[in-house]
C-alpha atoms as a PDB file:
ATOM      1  CA  UNK A   1      86.798 105.816 114.480  1.00  0.00           C
ATOM      2  CA  UNK A   2      88.927 102.940 113.237  1.00  0.00           C
ATOM      3  CA  UNK A   3      87.701 100.424 115.807  1.00  0.00           C
ATOM      4  CA  UNK A   4      85.230  98.676 113.471  1.00  0.00           C
ATOM      5  CA  UNK A   5      87.691  97.705 110.737  1.00  0.00           C
ATOM      6  CA  UNK A   6      90.445  96.941 113.244  1.00  0.00           C
ATOM      7  CA  UNK A   7      88.104  94.704 115.198  1.00  0.00           C
ATOM      8  CA  UNK A   8      87.092  92.979 111.959  1.00  0.00           C
ATOM      9  CA  UNK A   9      90.724  92.458 110.987  1.00  0.00           C
ATOM     10  CA  UNK A  10      91.549  91.057 114.417  1.00  0.00           C
ATOM     11  CA  UNK A  11      88.575  88.689 114.298  1.00  0.00           C
ATOM     12  CA  UNK A  12      89.443  87.552 110.768  1.00  0.00           C
ATOM     13  CA  UNK A  13      93.076  87.007 111.800  1.00  0.00           C
ATOM     14  CA  UNK A  14      91.972  84.843 114.727  1.00  0.00           C
ATOM     15  CA  UNK A  15      89.686  82.806 112.466  1.00  0.00           C
ATOM     16  CA  UNK A  16      92.477  82.470 109.867  1.00  0.00           C
ATOM     17  CA  UNK A  17      94.888  81.237 112.541  1.00  0.00           C
ATOM     18  CA  UNK A  18      92.348  78.747 113.880  1.00  0.00           C
ATOM     19  CA  UNK A  19      91.569  77.416 110.409  1.00  0.00           C
ATOM     20  CA  UNK A  20      95.247  77.123 109.492  1.00  0.00           C
ATOM     21  CA  UNK A  21      95.906  75.300 112.744  1.00  0.00           C
ATOM     22  CA  UNK A  22      93.083  72.833 112.061  1.00  0.00           C
ATOM     23  CA  UNK A  23      94.418  72.224 108.548  1.00  0.00           C
ATOM     24  CA  UNK A  24      97.928  71.636 109.863  1.00  0.00           C
ATOM     25  CA  UNK A  25      96.737  69.265 112.580  1.00  0.00           C
ATOM     26  CA  UNK A  26      94.183  67.278 110.589  1.00  0.00           C
ATOM     27  CA  UNK A  27      94.830  63.597 110.920  1.00  0.00           C
ATOM     28  CA  UNK A  28      92.902  60.569 112.062  1.00  0.00           C
ATOM     29  CA  UNK A  29      93.876  57.954 114.516  1.00  0.00           C
ATOM     30  CA  UNK A  30      92.414  54.506 114.015  1.00  0.00           C
ATOM     31  CA  UNK A  31      92.856  51.637 116.472  1.00  0.00           C
ATOM     32  CA  UNK A  32      96.186  49.931 115.834  1.00  0.00           C
ATOM     33  CA  UNK A  33      97.592  52.855 113.862  1.00  0.00           C
ATOM     34  CA  UNK A  34      98.963  54.951 116.725  1.00  0.00           C
ATOM     35  CA  UNK A  35     101.770  57.160 115.522  1.00  0.00           C
ATOM     36  CA  UNK A  36     100.870  56.673 111.853  1.00  0.00           C
ATOM     37  CA  UNK A  37      99.774  59.799 110.022  1.00  0.00           C
ATOM     38  CA  UNK A  38      96.759  59.111 107.855  1.00  0.00           C
ATOM     39  CA  UNK A  39      95.623  61.479 105.110  1.00  0.00           C
ATOM     40  CA  UNK A  40      92.896  63.928 106.022  1.00  0.00           C
ATOM     41  CA  UNK A  41      89.401  63.386 104.752  1.00  0.00           C
ATOM     42  CA  UNK A  42      88.980  65.401 101.549  1.00  0.00           C
ATOM     43  CA  UNK A  43      85.597  66.737 102.628  1.00  0.00           C
ATOM     44  CA  UNK A  44      87.080  68.141 105.838  1.00  0.00           C
ATOM     45  CA  UNK A  45      89.942  69.707 103.915  1.00  0.00           C
ATOM     46  CA  UNK A  46      87.497  71.240 101.438  1.00  0.00           C
ATOM     47  CA  UNK A  47      85.498  72.741 104.303  1.00  0.00           C
ATOM     48  CA  UNK A  48      88.630  74.115 105.936  1.00  0.00           C
ATOM     49  CA  UNK A  49      89.884  75.630 102.677  1.00  0.00           C
ATOM     50  CA  UNK A  50      86.471  77.254 102.136  1.00  0.00           C
ATOM     51  CA  UNK A  51      86.664  78.682 105.647  1.00  0.00           C
ATOM     52  CA  UNK A  52      90.200  79.891 104.985  1.00  0.00           C
ATOM     53  CA  UNK A  53      89.099  81.733 101.831  1.00  0.00           C
ATOM     54  CA  UNK A  54      86.102  83.279 103.625  1.00  0.00           C
ATOM     55  CA  UNK A  55      88.271  84.477 106.490  1.00  0.00           C
ATOM     56  CA  UNK A  56      90.852  85.898 104.104  1.00  0.00           C
ATOM     57  CA  UNK A  57      88.100  87.760 102.252  1.00  0.00           C
ATOM     58  CA  UNK A  58      86.779  89.144 105.561  1.00  0.00           C
ATOM     59  CA  UNK A  59      90.275  90.357 106.466  1.00  0.00           C
ATOM     60  CA  UNK A  60      90.685  92.028 103.069  1.00  0.00           C
ATOM     61  CA  UNK A  61      87.275  93.711 103.380  1.00  0.00           C
ATOM     62  CA  UNK A  62      88.145  95.053 106.828  1.00  0.00           C
ATOM     63  CA  UNK A  63      91.481  96.261 105.499  1.00  0.00           C
ATOM     64  CA  UNK A  64      89.754  98.121 102.679  1.00  0.00           C
ATOM     65  CA  UNK A  65      87.255  99.643 105.145  1.00  0.00           C
ATOM     66  CA  UNK A  66      90.210 100.853 107.220  1.00  0.00           C
ATOM     67  CA  UNK A  67      91.743 102.470 104.123  1.00  0.00           C
ATOM     68  CA  UNK A  68      88.449 104.210 103.319  1.00  0.00           C
ATOM     69  CA  UNK A  69      88.066 105.478 106.898  1.00  0.00           C
ATOM     70  CA  UNK A  70      91.636 106.790 106.867  1.00  0.00           C
ATOM     71  CA  UNK A  71      91.001 108.549 103.568  1.00  0.00           C
ATOM     72  CA  UNK A  72      87.797 110.071 104.914  1.00  0.00           C
ATOM     73  CA  UNK A  73      89.577 111.282 108.037  1.00  0.00           C
ATOM     74  CA  UNK A  74      92.331 112.793 105.920  1.00  0.00           C
ATOM     75  CA  UNK A  75      89.750 114.563 103.729  1.00  0.00           C
ATOM     76  CA  UNK A  76      87.953 115.868 106.811  1.00  0.00           C
ATOM     77  CA  UNK A  77      91.175 117.226 108.223  1.00  0.00           C
ATOM     78  CA  UNK A  78      92.106 118.943 104.967  1.00  0.00           C
ATOM     79  CA  UNK A  79      88.639 120.546 104.716  1.00  0.00           C
ATOM     80  CA  UNK A  80      88.794 121.899 108.264  1.00  0.00           C
ATOM     81  CA  UNK A  81      92.366 123.137 107.925  1.00  0.00           C
END
């Protein structure tokens, strides 16, 4: 019964972790600059932040769906009791 929202939360968590990892590891290496951290391209960072927000929203939606399913199950149990 709860597999849909839990699967959605797990998927969103994986995507959040991947996005956060890409943000943390964003740097460029140009010839002759080995070992020097260069700032990330702002467009890439904007894309990653957009992805982060989308994945967070997906996680929140799955969490809310889980709450609704739990409430429905509780209501069903109280009706049949």
